[in-house]
Amino acid sequence: MKASPRAAILAAALFTPNWYGLEFANSAAAAKEPQTATSSKPTVYVSDFELDALPSESLNRAAPAPQAGAQAPDDDPRKQASRLVELMSTKLVAALRKAGYTAVRLQPGAARPDSGVSIRGLFAEIDNENHWRRAVIRTASDSGKMEALVSVANLAKPDQALYEIANVPGNENKPGAVITLSPYVPLTKFDLSKDANEDVFKSIAPRIVNDLTALLNANPSAMSR
């Protein structure tokens, strides 16, 4: 599938790593000073990424993916979805700690902290009509392509929704829904497959951490209220 030129331009703007809520210091001043390690690294809170799944045919109904760690039959796509969500969170927390951050995994439903850095995101895919959709694991051995969309935010700033359910005919809030990504929350994306193994997440996590560290090094006041 070929994306339109307009879509390509939009994608380039959307995925520029200018994280929401982390203000940039004067670029001219930053250019004159060498980048150094962040003197006081903020606590980073990692939320589980969103990922939809269709249950096995025996359940005969659509449902969202269960929470990471929940039990499911071996042939249930939700088990695969739970595995991917678990890998994303655990490898990201491990990479943050290795880089010297205090990293906390936020459990679903936990209260939002009022300071520090938030890393959250979703798995998404593009359909044949060039629409963004919430990614769906359809079979236990699904090997299709999807994107991990990652957002980094200053928790001292108001929260912003990553996306909205798109207002298109026949669309509704269900697994694989068409979505409109927020123009106010810049995201970075990482390509992966729906059967990605542990090594894939081990390679993605340090890249996210490196981007965060580079931002904080270039903008020491980025985490100020």
N, C-alpha and C. Protein backbone atom coordinates (compact mmCIF):
# COMPACT_ATOMS: atom_id res chain seq x y z
N MET A 1 0.84 -1.20 0.00
CA MET A 1 0.00 0.00 0.00
C MET A 1 0.87 1.24 0.00
N LYS A 2 0.58 2.19 -0.86
CA LYS A 2 1.34 3.43 -0.93
C LYS A 2 0.57 4.56 -0.26
N ALA A 3 1.21 5.24 0.65
CA ALA A 3 0.59 6.38 1.32
C ALA A 3 0.63 7.59 0.40
N SER A 4 -0.37 8.45 0.51
CA SER A 4 -0.41 9.66 -0.30
C SER A 4 0.67 10.62 0.15
N PRO A 5 1.12 11.56 -0.73
CA PRO A 5 2.11 12.56 -0.31
C PRO A 5 1.67 13.35 0.90
N ARG A 6 0.38 13.67 0.92
CA ARG A 6 -0.13 14.44 2.06
C ARG A 6 0.02 13.64 3.35
N ALA A 7 -0.28 12.33 3.27
CA ALA A 7 -0.16 11.48 4.45
C ALA A 7 1.29 11.38 4.90
N ALA A 8 2.19 11.35 3.93
CA ALA A 8 3.61 11.25 4.26
C ALA A 8 4.08 12.50 5.00
N ILE A 9 3.62 13.68 4.53
CA ILE A 9 3.99 14.94 5.19
C ILE A 9 3.44 14.97 6.61
N LEU A 10 2.18 14.52 6.77
CA LEU A 10 1.55 14.50 8.07
C LEU A 10 2.28 13.56 9.02
N ALA A 11 2.69 12.42 8.49
CA ALA A 11 3.39 11.45 9.31
C ALA A 11 4.72 12.01 9.78
N ALA A 12 5.40 12.72 8.88
CA ALA A 12 6.71 13.30 9.24
C ALA A 12 6.55 14.29 10.38
N ALA A 13 5.49 15.09 10.33
CA ALA A 13 5.26 16.07 11.39
C ALA A 13 4.84 15.38 12.68
N LEU A 14 4.01 14.35 12.53
CA LEU A 14 3.47 13.66 13.69
C LEU A 14 4.55 12.98 14.50
N PHE A 15 5.52 12.38 13.81
CA PHE A 15 6.48 11.55 14.50
C PHE A 15 7.80 12.25 14.77
N THR A 16 7.83 13.57 14.65
CA THR A 16 9.01 14.32 15.09
C THR A 16 9.11 14.21 16.60
N PRO A 17 10.27 13.80 17.15
CA PRO A 17 10.35 13.53 18.59
C PRO A 17 10.43 14.79 19.45
N ASN A 18 9.41 15.65 19.38
CA ASN A 18 9.30 16.82 20.25
C ASN A 18 8.26 16.48 21.30
N TRP A 19 8.67 15.81 22.37
CA TRP A 19 7.74 15.23 23.32
C TRP A 19 6.81 16.29 23.91
N TYR A 20 5.54 15.94 24.04
CA TYR A 20 4.55 16.84 24.61
C TYR A 20 4.88 17.16 26.06
N GLY A 21 4.76 18.43 26.42
CA GLY A 21 4.88 18.85 27.81
C GLY A 21 6.31 19.03 28.28
N LEU A 22 7.30 18.70 27.45
CA LEU A 22 8.69 18.89 27.84
C LEU A 22 9.23 20.07 27.06
N GLU A 23 9.18 21.26 27.66
CA GLU A 23 9.49 22.47 26.92
C GLU A 23 10.96 22.51 26.54
N PHE A 24 11.25 23.10 25.37
CA PHE A 24 12.62 23.22 24.91
C PHE A 24 13.26 24.51 25.45
N ALA A 25 14.50 24.38 25.90
CA ALA A 25 15.26 25.56 26.30
C ALA A 25 15.68 26.30 25.05
N ASN A 26 16.26 27.50 25.22
CA ASN A 26 16.70 28.28 24.08
C ASN A 26 17.65 27.47 23.22
N SER A 27 17.29 27.24 21.96
CA SER A 27 18.07 26.35 21.09
C SER A 27 19.46 26.91 20.83
N ALA A 28 19.61 28.22 20.73
CA ALA A 28 20.92 28.81 20.47
C ALA A 28 21.85 28.57 21.66
N ALA A 29 21.32 28.75 22.86
CA ALA A 29 22.14 28.53 24.05
C ALA A 29 22.51 27.07 24.17
N ALA A 30 21.56 26.18 23.87
CA ALA A 30 21.82 24.75 23.97
C ALA A 30 22.90 24.34 23.00
N ALA A 31 22.94 24.96 21.82
CA ALA A 31 23.91 24.59 20.81
C ALA A 31 25.32 24.97 21.22
N LYS A 32 25.47 26.01 22.08
CA LYS A 32 26.79 26.46 22.49
C LYS A 32 27.37 25.61 23.61
N GLU A 33 26.50 24.86 24.32
CA GLU A 33 26.97 24.10 25.45
C GLU A 33 26.98 22.62 25.12
N PRO A 34 28.04 21.90 25.49
CA PRO A 34 28.09 20.46 25.24
C PRO A 34 27.04 19.75 26.07
N GLN A 35 26.52 18.65 25.52
CA GLN A 35 25.53 17.87 26.26
C GLN A 35 26.24 17.08 27.35
N THR A 36 25.66 17.11 28.54
CA THR A 36 26.22 16.36 29.66
C THR A 36 25.13 15.50 30.26
N ALA A 37 25.53 14.59 31.10
CA ALA A 37 24.55 13.72 31.73
C ALA A 37 23.60 14.54 32.59
N THR A 38 22.33 14.11 32.63
CA THR A 38 21.35 14.81 33.44
C THR A 38 21.75 14.70 34.91
N SER A 39 21.86 15.85 35.59
CA SER A 39 22.34 15.85 36.97
C SER A 39 21.36 15.19 37.91
N SER A 40 20.08 15.39 37.69
CA SER A 40 19.07 14.80 38.55
C SER A 40 17.96 14.25 37.67
N LYS A 41 18.01 12.95 37.47
CA LYS A 41 17.05 12.35 36.55
C LYS A 41 15.68 12.21 37.21
N PRO A 42 14.61 12.56 36.49
CA PRO A 42 13.27 12.44 37.05
C PRO A 42 12.83 10.98 37.14
N THR A 43 11.87 10.72 37.99
CA THR A 43 11.24 9.41 38.03
C THR A 43 10.40 9.23 36.77
N VAL A 44 10.48 8.07 36.17
CA VAL A 44 9.75 7.79 34.94
C VAL A 44 8.71 6.72 35.22
N TYR A 45 7.47 7.01 34.87
CA TYR A 45 6.35 6.09 35.08
C TYR A 45 5.94 5.49 33.74
N VAL A 46 5.92 4.18 33.66
CA VAL A 46 5.61 3.48 32.42
C VAL A 46 4.22 2.85 32.52
N SER A 47 3.35 3.23 31.61
CA SER A 47 2.00 2.65 31.56
C SER A 47 1.96 1.56 30.50
N ASP A 48 1.13 0.54 30.73
CA ASP A 48 0.97 -0.51 29.74
C ASP A 48 0.38 0.07 28.46
N PHE A 49 0.94 -0.34 27.32
CA PHE A 49 0.44 0.13 26.03
C PHE A 49 -0.89 -0.54 25.70
N GLU A 50 -1.70 0.16 24.94
CA GLU A 50 -3.00 -0.38 24.54
C GLU A 50 -2.83 -1.34 23.37
N LEU A 51 -3.51 -2.47 23.43
CA LEU A 51 -3.51 -3.44 22.34
C LEU A 51 -4.79 -4.25 22.40
N ASP A 52 -5.52 -4.28 21.29
CA ASP A 52 -6.76 -5.04 21.21
C ASP A 52 -6.50 -6.48 20.79
N ALA A 53 -7.47 -7.33 21.10
CA ALA A 53 -7.40 -8.73 20.66
C ALA A 53 -8.80 -9.26 20.48
N LEU A 54 -8.95 -10.18 19.55
CA LEU A 54 -10.20 -10.91 19.39
C LEU A 54 -10.04 -12.24 20.10
N PRO A 55 -11.02 -12.63 20.92
CA PRO A 55 -10.89 -13.90 21.63
C PRO A 55 -10.99 -15.08 20.67
N SER A 56 -10.64 -16.25 21.15
CA SER A 56 -10.74 -17.44 20.32
C SER A 56 -12.19 -17.65 19.90
N GLU A 57 -12.38 -18.36 18.78
CA GLU A 57 -13.73 -18.54 18.23
C GLU A 57 -14.66 -19.21 19.22
N SER A 58 -14.11 -19.99 20.15
CA SER A 58 -14.96 -20.68 21.11
C SER A 58 -15.69 -19.72 22.03
N LEU A 59 -15.11 -18.50 22.21
CA LEU A 59 -15.77 -17.51 23.06
C LEU A 59 -16.86 -16.77 22.32
N ASN A 60 -16.75 -16.72 20.98
CA ASN A 60 -17.82 -16.22 20.12
C ASN A 60 -18.24 -14.80 20.41
N ARG A 61 -17.29 -13.95 20.82
CA ARG A 61 -17.61 -12.54 21.00
C ARG A 61 -16.31 -11.75 21.02
N ALA A 62 -16.42 -10.44 20.70
CA ALA A 62 -15.23 -9.57 20.69
C ALA A 62 -15.02 -8.99 22.07
N ALA A 63 -13.74 -8.85 22.43
CA ALA A 63 -13.41 -8.27 23.73
C ALA A 63 -12.01 -7.70 23.69
N PRO A 64 -11.74 -6.68 24.50
CA PRO A 64 -10.38 -6.13 24.52
C PRO A 64 -9.40 -7.10 25.15
N ALA A 65 -8.13 -6.86 24.95
CA ALA A 65 -7.10 -7.71 25.53
C ALA A 65 -7.16 -7.66 27.05
N PRO A 66 -6.87 -8.77 27.72
CA PRO A 66 -6.86 -8.78 29.19
C PRO A 66 -5.63 -8.04 29.71
N GLN A 67 -5.62 -7.78 30.99
CA GLN A 67 -4.46 -7.15 31.59
C GLN A 67 -3.27 -8.09 31.49
N ALA A 68 -2.07 -7.50 31.45
CA ALA A 68 -0.86 -8.30 31.37
C ALA A 68 -0.81 -9.29 32.53
N GLY A 69 -0.48 -10.54 32.22
CA GLY A 69 -0.36 -11.55 33.25
C GLY A 69 -1.62 -12.37 33.45
N ALA A 70 -2.76 -11.93 32.86
CA ALA A 70 -4.01 -12.67 33.01
C ALA A 70 -3.92 -14.00 32.28
N GLN A 71 -4.59 -15.01 32.79
CA GLN A 71 -4.56 -16.34 32.19
C GLN A 71 -5.52 -16.41 31.01
N ALA A 72 -5.14 -17.14 29.97
CA ALA A 72 -5.99 -17.33 28.79
C ALA A 72 -5.57 -18.63 28.13
N PRO A 73 -6.49 -19.29 27.41
CA PRO A 73 -6.13 -20.53 26.72
C PRO A 73 -5.00 -20.29 25.72
N ASP A 74 -4.22 -21.36 25.46
CA ASP A 74 -3.08 -21.22 24.55
C ASP A 74 -3.48 -20.77 23.16
N ASP A 75 -4.71 -21.09 22.74
CA ASP A 75 -5.15 -20.71 21.39
C ASP A 75 -5.89 -19.38 21.38
N ASP A 76 -5.88 -18.65 22.49
CA ASP A 76 -6.59 -17.38 22.59
C ASP A 76 -5.67 -16.24 22.19
N PRO A 77 -6.04 -15.45 21.18
CA PRO A 77 -5.22 -14.30 20.77
C PRO A 77 -4.93 -13.33 21.90
N ARG A 78 -5.81 -13.30 22.90
CA ARG A 78 -5.60 -12.39 24.02
C ARG A 78 -4.35 -12.75 24.82
N LYS A 79 -3.98 -14.00 24.79
CA LYS A 79 -2.74 -14.40 25.47
C LYS A 79 -1.53 -13.81 24.76
N GLN A 80 -1.58 -13.81 23.43
CA GLN A 80 -0.49 -13.21 22.65
C GLN A 80 -0.44 -11.70 22.88
N ALA A 81 -1.61 -11.05 22.91
CA ALA A 81 -1.66 -9.61 23.16
C ALA A 81 -1.09 -9.28 24.53
N SER A 82 -1.46 -10.07 25.52
CA SER A 82 -0.96 -9.84 26.88
C SER A 82 0.55 -10.00 26.93
N ARG A 83 1.10 -10.95 26.18
CA ARG A 83 2.55 -11.16 26.15
C ARG A 83 3.27 -9.95 25.58
N LEU A 84 2.73 -9.37 24.51
CA LEU A 84 3.35 -8.21 23.88
C LEU A 84 3.32 -6.99 24.80
N VAL A 85 2.19 -6.78 25.44
CA VAL A 85 2.06 -5.65 26.38
C VAL A 85 3.05 -5.82 27.54
N GLU A 86 3.15 -7.03 28.04
CA GLU A 86 4.06 -7.32 29.14
C GLU A 86 5.51 -7.06 28.74
N LEU A 87 5.90 -7.51 27.55
CA LEU A 87 7.28 -7.32 27.09
C LEU A 87 7.60 -5.83 26.93
N MET A 88 6.67 -5.07 26.38
CA MET A 88 6.91 -3.64 26.18
C MET A 88 7.17 -2.96 27.52
N SER A 89 6.35 -3.23 28.50
CA SER A 89 6.49 -2.56 29.80
C SER A 89 7.74 -3.01 30.54
N THR A 90 7.97 -4.31 30.61
CA THR A 90 9.09 -4.81 31.41
C THR A 90 10.43 -4.43 30.79
N LYS A 91 10.55 -4.49 29.48
CA LYS A 91 11.83 -4.15 28.84
C LYS A 91 12.10 -2.65 28.92
N LEU A 92 11.06 -1.86 28.86
CA LEU A 92 11.23 -0.42 28.96
C LEU A 92 11.65 -0.02 30.38
N VAL A 93 11.02 -0.61 31.39
CA VAL A 93 11.40 -0.34 32.77
C VAL A 93 12.85 -0.77 33.00
N ALA A 94 13.23 -1.94 32.47
CA ALA A 94 14.59 -2.43 32.66
C ALA A 94 15.61 -1.50 32.00
N ALA A 95 15.29 -1.01 30.78
CA ALA A 95 16.21 -0.11 30.07
C ALA A 95 16.34 1.22 30.80
N LEU A 96 15.27 1.72 31.36
CA LEU A 96 15.31 2.97 32.11
C LEU A 96 16.19 2.82 33.35
N ARG A 97 16.02 1.73 34.07
CA ARG A 97 16.81 1.51 35.28
C ARG A 97 18.29 1.34 34.94
N LYS A 98 18.57 0.67 33.85
CA LYS A 98 19.96 0.49 33.41
C LYS A 98 20.60 1.84 33.10
N ALA A 99 19.79 2.79 32.62
CA ALA A 99 20.30 4.12 32.28
C ALA A 99 20.35 5.04 33.49
N GLY A 100 19.99 4.55 34.66
CA GLY A 100 20.11 5.35 35.88
C GLY A 100 18.85 6.05 36.32
N TYR A 101 17.72 5.75 35.68
CA TYR A 101 16.45 6.36 36.07
C TYR A 101 15.77 5.52 37.16
N THR A 102 14.98 6.19 37.98
CA THR A 102 14.03 5.48 38.82
C THR A 102 12.80 5.23 37.96
N ALA A 103 12.50 3.98 37.67
CA ALA A 103 11.41 3.64 36.77
C ALA A 103 10.34 2.85 37.52
N VAL A 104 9.10 3.26 37.33
CA VAL A 104 7.97 2.62 38.00
C VAL A 104 6.94 2.23 36.95
N ARG A 105 6.51 1.01 37.00
CA ARG A 105 5.45 0.57 36.09
C ARG A 105 4.10 0.87 36.72
N LEU A 106 3.30 1.68 36.06
CA LEU A 106 1.97 2.03 36.57
C LEU A 106 0.99 0.92 36.21
N GLN A 107 0.33 0.38 37.20
CA GLN A 107 -0.66 -0.65 36.95
C GLN A 107 -1.96 -0.02 36.45
N PRO A 108 -2.73 -0.73 35.61
CA PRO A 108 -3.99 -0.19 35.11
C PRO A 108 -4.88 0.29 36.26
N GLY A 109 -5.40 1.50 36.12
CA GLY A 109 -6.27 2.06 37.15
C GLY A 109 -5.55 2.80 38.26
N ALA A 110 -4.21 2.77 38.24
CA ALA A 110 -3.45 3.47 39.29
C ALA A 110 -3.58 4.98 39.11
N ALA A 111 -3.48 5.70 40.22
CA ALA A 111 -3.59 7.16 40.17
C ALA A 111 -2.43 7.75 39.37
N ARG A 112 -2.70 8.80 38.64
CA ARG A 112 -1.67 9.47 37.84
C ARG A 112 -0.81 10.33 38.75
N PRO A 113 0.51 10.11 38.77
CA PRO A 113 1.40 10.96 39.58
C PRO A 113 1.35 12.41 39.10
N ASP A 114 1.71 13.34 39.97
CA ASP A 114 1.66 14.76 39.59
C ASP A 114 3.03 15.34 39.26
N SER A 115 4.05 14.49 39.23
CA SER A 115 5.37 14.96 38.82
C SER A 115 6.15 13.79 38.25
N GLY A 116 7.20 14.11 37.50
CA GLY A 116 7.98 13.08 36.85
C GLY A 116 7.65 12.99 35.36
N VAL A 117 8.07 11.89 34.76
CA VAL A 117 7.86 11.67 33.33
C VAL A 117 6.93 10.49 33.13
N SER A 118 6.03 10.64 32.19
CA SER A 118 5.13 9.55 31.81
C SER A 118 5.54 9.01 30.45
N ILE A 119 5.65 7.69 30.33
CA ILE A 119 5.80 7.04 29.03
C ILE A 119 4.61 6.13 28.84
N ARG A 120 3.87 6.37 27.80
CA ARG A 120 2.69 5.57 27.50
C ARG A 120 2.56 5.44 25.99
N GLY A 121 1.60 4.68 25.54
CA GLY A 121 1.44 4.54 24.10
C GLY A 121 0.41 3.49 23.73
N LEU A 122 0.42 3.15 22.48
CA LEU A 122 -0.49 2.14 21.98
C LEU A 122 0.13 1.45 20.78
N PHE A 123 -0.39 0.28 20.49
CA PHE A 123 -0.03 -0.42 19.27
C PHE A 123 -1.11 -0.11 18.24
N ALA A 124 -0.70 0.28 17.05
CA ALA A 124 -1.65 0.70 16.03
C ALA A 124 -1.22 0.14 14.67
N GLU A 125 -2.14 0.17 13.73
CA GLU A 125 -1.86 -0.28 12.38
C GLU A 125 -2.61 0.60 11.39
N ILE A 126 -2.17 0.59 10.14
CA ILE A 126 -2.80 1.36 9.08
C ILE A 126 -3.55 0.42 8.16
N ASP A 127 -4.82 0.72 7.88
CA ASP A 127 -5.61 -0.17 7.04
C ASP A 127 -5.43 0.17 5.56
N ASN A 128 -6.16 -0.54 4.73
CA ASN A 128 -6.03 -0.36 3.28
C ASN A 128 -6.49 1.00 2.79
N GLU A 129 -7.25 1.71 3.60
CA GLU A 129 -7.72 3.04 3.23
C GLU A 129 -6.87 4.13 3.90
N ASN A 130 -5.71 3.74 4.41
CA ASN A 130 -4.77 4.67 5.03
C ASN A 130 -5.28 5.28 6.32
N HIS A 131 -6.16 4.56 7.02
CA HIS A 131 -6.66 4.99 8.32
C HIS A 131 -5.81 4.36 9.43
N TRP A 132 -5.54 5.13 10.47
CA TRP A 132 -4.95 4.55 11.66
C TRP A 132 -6.03 3.79 12.41
N ARG A 133 -5.70 2.60 12.88
CA ARG A 133 -6.59 1.79 13.69
C ARG A 133 -5.84 1.28 14.91
N ARG A 134 -6.56 1.05 15.98
CA ARG A 134 -5.96 0.32 17.09
C ARG A 134 -5.60 -1.07 16.59
N ALA A 135 -4.38 -1.48 16.86
CA ALA A 135 -3.93 -2.79 16.38
C ALA A 135 -4.73 -3.90 17.06
N VAL A 136 -4.97 -4.97 16.32
CA VAL A 136 -5.72 -6.11 16.83
C VAL A 136 -4.94 -7.40 16.61
N ILE A 137 -4.82 -8.20 17.65
CA ILE A 137 -4.30 -9.55 17.52
C ILE A 137 -5.50 -10.45 17.22
N ARG A 138 -5.53 -11.03 16.03
CA ARG A 138 -6.72 -11.75 15.58
C ARG A 138 -6.61 -13.26 15.77
N THR A 139 -5.40 -13.78 15.78
CA THR A 139 -5.19 -15.20 16.01
C THR A 139 -4.03 -15.37 16.97
N ALA A 140 -3.92 -16.53 17.57
CA ALA A 140 -2.85 -16.77 18.53
C ALA A 140 -1.48 -16.73 17.87
N SER A 141 -1.44 -16.92 16.54
CA SER A 141 -0.16 -16.90 15.82
C SER A 141 -0.10 -15.75 14.82
N ASP A 142 -0.83 -14.69 15.09
CA ASP A 142 -0.88 -13.52 14.19
C ASP A 142 0.54 -13.00 13.95
N SER A 143 0.89 -12.80 12.69
CA SER A 143 2.23 -12.31 12.36
C SER A 143 2.18 -11.03 11.52
N GLY A 144 1.05 -10.34 11.56
CA GLY A 144 0.92 -9.11 10.79
C GLY A 144 1.81 -8.00 11.33
N LYS A 145 1.82 -6.88 10.62
CA LYS A 145 2.63 -5.74 11.00
C LYS A 145 1.83 -4.73 11.82
N MET A 146 2.52 -4.04 12.70
CA MET A 146 1.90 -2.96 13.46
C MET A 146 2.98 -1.98 13.89
N GLU A 147 2.57 -0.90 14.56
CA GLU A 147 3.48 0.13 15.04
C GLU A 147 3.28 0.32 16.54
N ALA A 148 4.38 0.49 17.24
CA ALA A 148 4.31 0.92 18.64
C ALA A 148 4.44 2.43 18.63
N LEU A 149 3.39 3.13 19.03
CA LEU A 149 3.38 4.59 19.08
C LEU A 149 3.65 5.01 20.52
N VAL A 150 4.70 5.80 20.72
CA VAL A 150 5.19 6.10 22.07
C VAL A 150 5.08 7.60 22.35
N SER A 151 4.55 7.92 23.53
CA SER A 151 4.44 9.31 23.97
C SER A 151 5.19 9.48 25.28
N VAL A 152 5.95 10.58 25.37
CA VAL A 152 6.63 10.96 26.62
C VAL A 152 6.07 12.31 27.05
N ALA A 153 5.66 12.42 28.30
CA ALA A 153 5.04 13.66 28.78
C ALA A 153 5.54 14.03 30.15
N ASN A 154 5.49 15.32 30.44
CA ASN A 154 5.78 15.87 31.75
C ASN A 154 4.50 15.75 32.59
N LEU A 155 4.57 14.99 33.67
CA LEU A 155 3.37 14.76 34.47
C LEU A 155 2.91 16.00 35.22
N ALA A 156 3.74 17.04 35.28
CA ALA A 156 3.32 18.30 35.90
C ALA A 156 2.37 19.08 34.99
N LYS A 157 2.26 18.65 33.75
CA LYS A 157 1.37 19.30 32.79
C LYS A 157 0.06 18.51 32.68
N PRO A 158 -1.01 19.15 32.22
CA PRO A 158 -2.29 18.44 32.06
C PRO A 158 -2.16 17.27 31.10
N ASP A 159 -2.89 16.21 31.41
CA ASP A 159 -2.86 15.02 30.56
C ASP A 159 -3.57 15.29 29.24
N GLN A 160 -3.15 14.58 28.21
CA GLN A 160 -3.78 14.70 26.89
C GLN A 160 -4.07 13.31 26.36
N ALA A 161 -5.23 13.14 25.76
CA ALA A 161 -5.57 11.85 25.15
C ALA A 161 -4.68 11.60 23.93
N LEU A 162 -4.23 10.37 23.77
CA LEU A 162 -3.38 10.05 22.62
C LEU A 162 -4.15 10.02 21.32
N TYR A 163 -5.44 9.69 21.41
CA TYR A 163 -6.26 9.58 20.19
C TYR A 163 -7.73 9.69 20.54
N GLU A 164 -8.54 9.83 19.52
CA GLU A 164 -9.99 9.79 19.66
C GLU A 164 -10.54 8.76 18.67
N ILE A 165 -11.72 8.22 18.97
CA ILE A 165 -12.38 7.33 18.01
C ILE A 165 -12.84 8.18 16.84
N ALA A 166 -12.41 7.83 15.64
CA ALA A 166 -12.69 8.65 14.46
C ALA A 166 -14.18 8.66 14.12
N ASN A 167 -14.63 9.83 13.71
CA ASN A 167 -16.03 9.99 13.30
C ASN A 167 -16.18 9.64 11.82
N VAL A 168 -16.19 8.34 11.56
CA VAL A 168 -16.38 7.86 10.18
C VAL A 168 -17.53 6.87 10.19
N PRO A 169 -18.25 6.76 9.07
CA PRO A 169 -19.43 5.87 9.01
C PRO A 169 -19.09 4.44 9.43
N GLY A 170 -19.92 3.90 10.32
CA GLY A 170 -19.77 2.52 10.75
C GLY A 170 -18.71 2.28 11.81
N ASN A 171 -17.98 3.32 12.18
CA ASN A 171 -16.92 3.14 13.17
C ASN A 171 -17.50 3.22 14.58
N GLU A 172 -16.96 2.42 15.46
CA GLU A 172 -17.37 2.45 16.85
C GLU A 172 -16.22 2.01 17.73
N ASN A 173 -16.37 2.25 19.02
CA ASN A 173 -15.31 1.95 19.97
C ASN A 173 -15.29 0.44 20.25
N LYS A 174 -14.55 -0.28 19.44
CA LYS A 174 -14.42 -1.72 19.56
C LYS A 174 -13.02 -2.12 19.08
N PRO A 175 -12.61 -3.37 19.27
CA PRO A 175 -11.28 -3.77 18.82
C PRO A 175 -11.05 -3.40 17.35
N GLY A 176 -9.91 -2.74 17.10
CA GLY A 176 -9.59 -2.35 15.73
C GLY A 176 -10.27 -1.09 15.26
N ALA A 177 -10.82 -0.31 16.17
CA ALA A 177 -11.52 0.91 15.78
C ALA A 177 -10.60 1.87 15.03
N VAL A 178 -11.18 2.61 14.07
CA VAL A 178 -10.45 3.67 13.38
C VAL A 178 -10.24 4.81 14.37
N ILE A 179 -9.05 5.35 14.43
CA ILE A 179 -8.74 6.39 15.40
C ILE A 179 -8.13 7.61 14.72
N THR A 180 -8.25 8.73 15.39
CA THR A 180 -7.59 9.97 14.98
C THR A 180 -6.55 10.31 16.04
N LEU A 181 -5.28 10.30 15.67
CA LEU A 181 -4.21 10.60 16.62
C LEU A 181 -4.22 12.08 16.98
N SER A 182 -3.98 12.37 18.24
CA SER A 182 -4.03 13.76 18.71
C SER A 182 -2.91 14.59 18.08
N PRO A 183 -3.24 15.79 17.58
CA PRO A 183 -2.20 16.67 17.05
C PRO A 183 -1.41 17.35 18.16
N TYR A 184 -1.86 17.20 19.41
CA TYR A 184 -1.22 17.87 20.54
C TYR A 184 -0.24 16.95 21.28
N VAL A 185 -0.15 15.70 20.88
CA VAL A 185 0.72 14.73 21.54
C VAL A 185 1.66 14.13 20.50
N PRO A 186 2.82 14.73 20.28
CA PRO A 186 3.78 14.15 19.34
C PRO A 186 4.16 12.73 19.77
N LEU A 187 4.26 11.87 18.79
CA LEU A 187 4.55 10.46 19.05
C LEU A 187 5.75 10.01 18.23
N THR A 188 6.46 9.04 18.73
CA THR A 188 7.46 8.36 17.91
C THR A 188 6.95 6.96 17.63
N LYS A 189 7.37 6.37 16.53
CA LYS A 189 6.85 5.06 16.17
C LYS A 189 7.99 4.08 15.94
N PHE A 190 7.67 2.82 16.20
CA PHE A 190 8.60 1.73 16.00
C PHE A 190 7.87 0.58 15.31
N ASP A 191 8.42 0.14 14.19
CA ASP A 191 7.81 -0.95 13.44
C ASP A 191 8.09 -2.28 14.13
N LEU A 192 7.09 -3.14 14.17
CA LEU A 192 7.29 -4.49 14.68
C LEU A 192 6.16 -5.39 14.19
N SER A 193 6.31 -6.66 14.37
CA SER A 193 5.27 -7.60 13.96
C SER A 193 4.45 -8.02 15.17
N LYS A 194 3.30 -8.60 14.90
CA LYS A 194 2.39 -9.01 15.97
C LYS A 194 2.85 -10.28 16.68
N ASP A 195 3.90 -10.90 16.16
CA ASP A 195 4.49 -12.04 16.86
C ASP A 195 5.92 -11.73 17.29
N ALA A 196 6.20 -10.44 17.52
CA ALA A 196 7.56 -10.01 17.89
C ALA A 196 8.05 -10.75 19.13
N ASN A 197 9.34 -11.08 19.12
CA ASN A 197 9.91 -11.79 20.26
C ASN A 197 10.57 -10.82 21.24
N GLU A 198 11.13 -11.37 22.28
CA GLU A 198 11.72 -10.56 23.34
C GLU A 198 12.84 -9.66 22.84
N ASP A 199 13.62 -10.16 21.89
CA ASP A 199 14.75 -9.38 21.37
C ASP A 199 14.31 -8.08 20.71
N VAL A 200 13.13 -8.10 20.07
CA VAL A 200 12.61 -6.90 19.42
C VAL A 200 12.39 -5.80 20.46
N PHE A 201 11.79 -6.16 21.57
CA PHE A 201 11.51 -5.17 22.62
C PHE A 201 12.79 -4.74 23.34
N LYS A 202 13.75 -5.65 23.42
CA LYS A 202 15.05 -5.28 23.99
C LYS A 202 15.76 -4.24 23.14
N SER A 203 15.49 -4.24 21.83
CA SER A 203 16.11 -3.25 20.95
C SER A 203 15.34 -1.94 20.91
N ILE A 204 14.01 -2.00 21.07
CA ILE A 204 13.19 -0.79 21.04
C ILE A 204 13.37 0.02 22.32
N ALA A 205 13.36 -0.64 23.46
CA ALA A 205 13.38 0.06 24.75
C ALA A 205 14.56 1.02 24.91
N PRO A 206 15.81 0.61 24.61
CA PRO A 206 16.92 1.56 24.76
C PRO A 206 16.82 2.77 23.83
N ARG A 207 16.21 2.60 22.68
CA ARG A 207 16.04 3.73 21.76
C ARG A 207 15.10 4.77 22.36
N ILE A 208 14.05 4.31 23.01
CA ILE A 208 13.13 5.24 23.68
C ILE A 208 13.86 5.97 24.81
N VAL A 209 14.64 5.22 25.59
CA VAL A 209 15.38 5.80 26.70
C VAL A 209 16.42 6.79 26.20
N ASN A 210 17.10 6.45 25.12
CA ASN A 210 18.13 7.35 24.57
C ASN A 210 17.50 8.67 24.11
N ASP A 211 16.32 8.59 23.48
CA ASP A 211 15.63 9.80 23.05
C ASP A 211 15.27 10.67 24.24
N LEU A 212 14.78 10.04 25.31
CA LEU A 212 14.42 10.78 26.52
C LEU A 212 15.65 11.44 27.14
N THR A 213 16.73 10.71 27.24
CA THR A 213 17.95 11.24 27.83
C THR A 213 18.50 12.41 27.01
N ALA A 214 18.49 12.27 25.69
CA ALA A 214 18.98 13.35 24.82
C ALA A 214 18.14 14.61 25.01
N LEU A 215 16.85 14.45 25.14
CA LEU A 215 15.97 15.59 25.36
C LEU A 215 16.27 16.28 26.68
N LEU A 216 16.42 15.50 27.74
CA LEU A 216 16.67 16.09 29.05
C LEU A 216 18.06 16.72 29.12
N ASN A 217 19.03 16.11 28.45
CA ASN A 217 20.37 16.70 28.43
C ASN A 217 20.38 18.04 27.72
N ALA A 218 19.64 18.15 26.63
CA ALA A 218 19.60 19.39 25.86
C ALA A 218 18.70 20.44 26.50
N ASN A 219 17.80 19.99 27.39
CA ASN A 219 16.82 20.90 27.99
C ASN A 219 16.74 20.63 29.49
N PRO A 220 17.72 21.10 30.27
CA PRO A 220 17.75 20.81 31.71
C PRO A 220 16.49 21.25 32.47
N SER A 221 15.79 22.28 31.96
CA SER A 221 14.60 22.77 32.68
C SER A 221 13.32 22.15 32.15
N ALA A 222 13.44 21.11 31.34
CA ALA A 222 12.25 20.54 30.69
C ALA A 222 11.24 20.00 31.68
N MET A 223 11.70 19.58 32.85
CA MET A 223 10.78 18.98 33.82
C MET A 223 10.27 19.97 34.85
N SER A 224 10.57 21.26 34.66
CA SER A 224 10.08 22.27 35.61
C SER A 224 8.57 22.42 35.45
N ARG A 225 7.93 22.82 36.51
CA ARG A 225 6.46 22.97 36.46
C ARG A 225 6.07 24.17 35.62
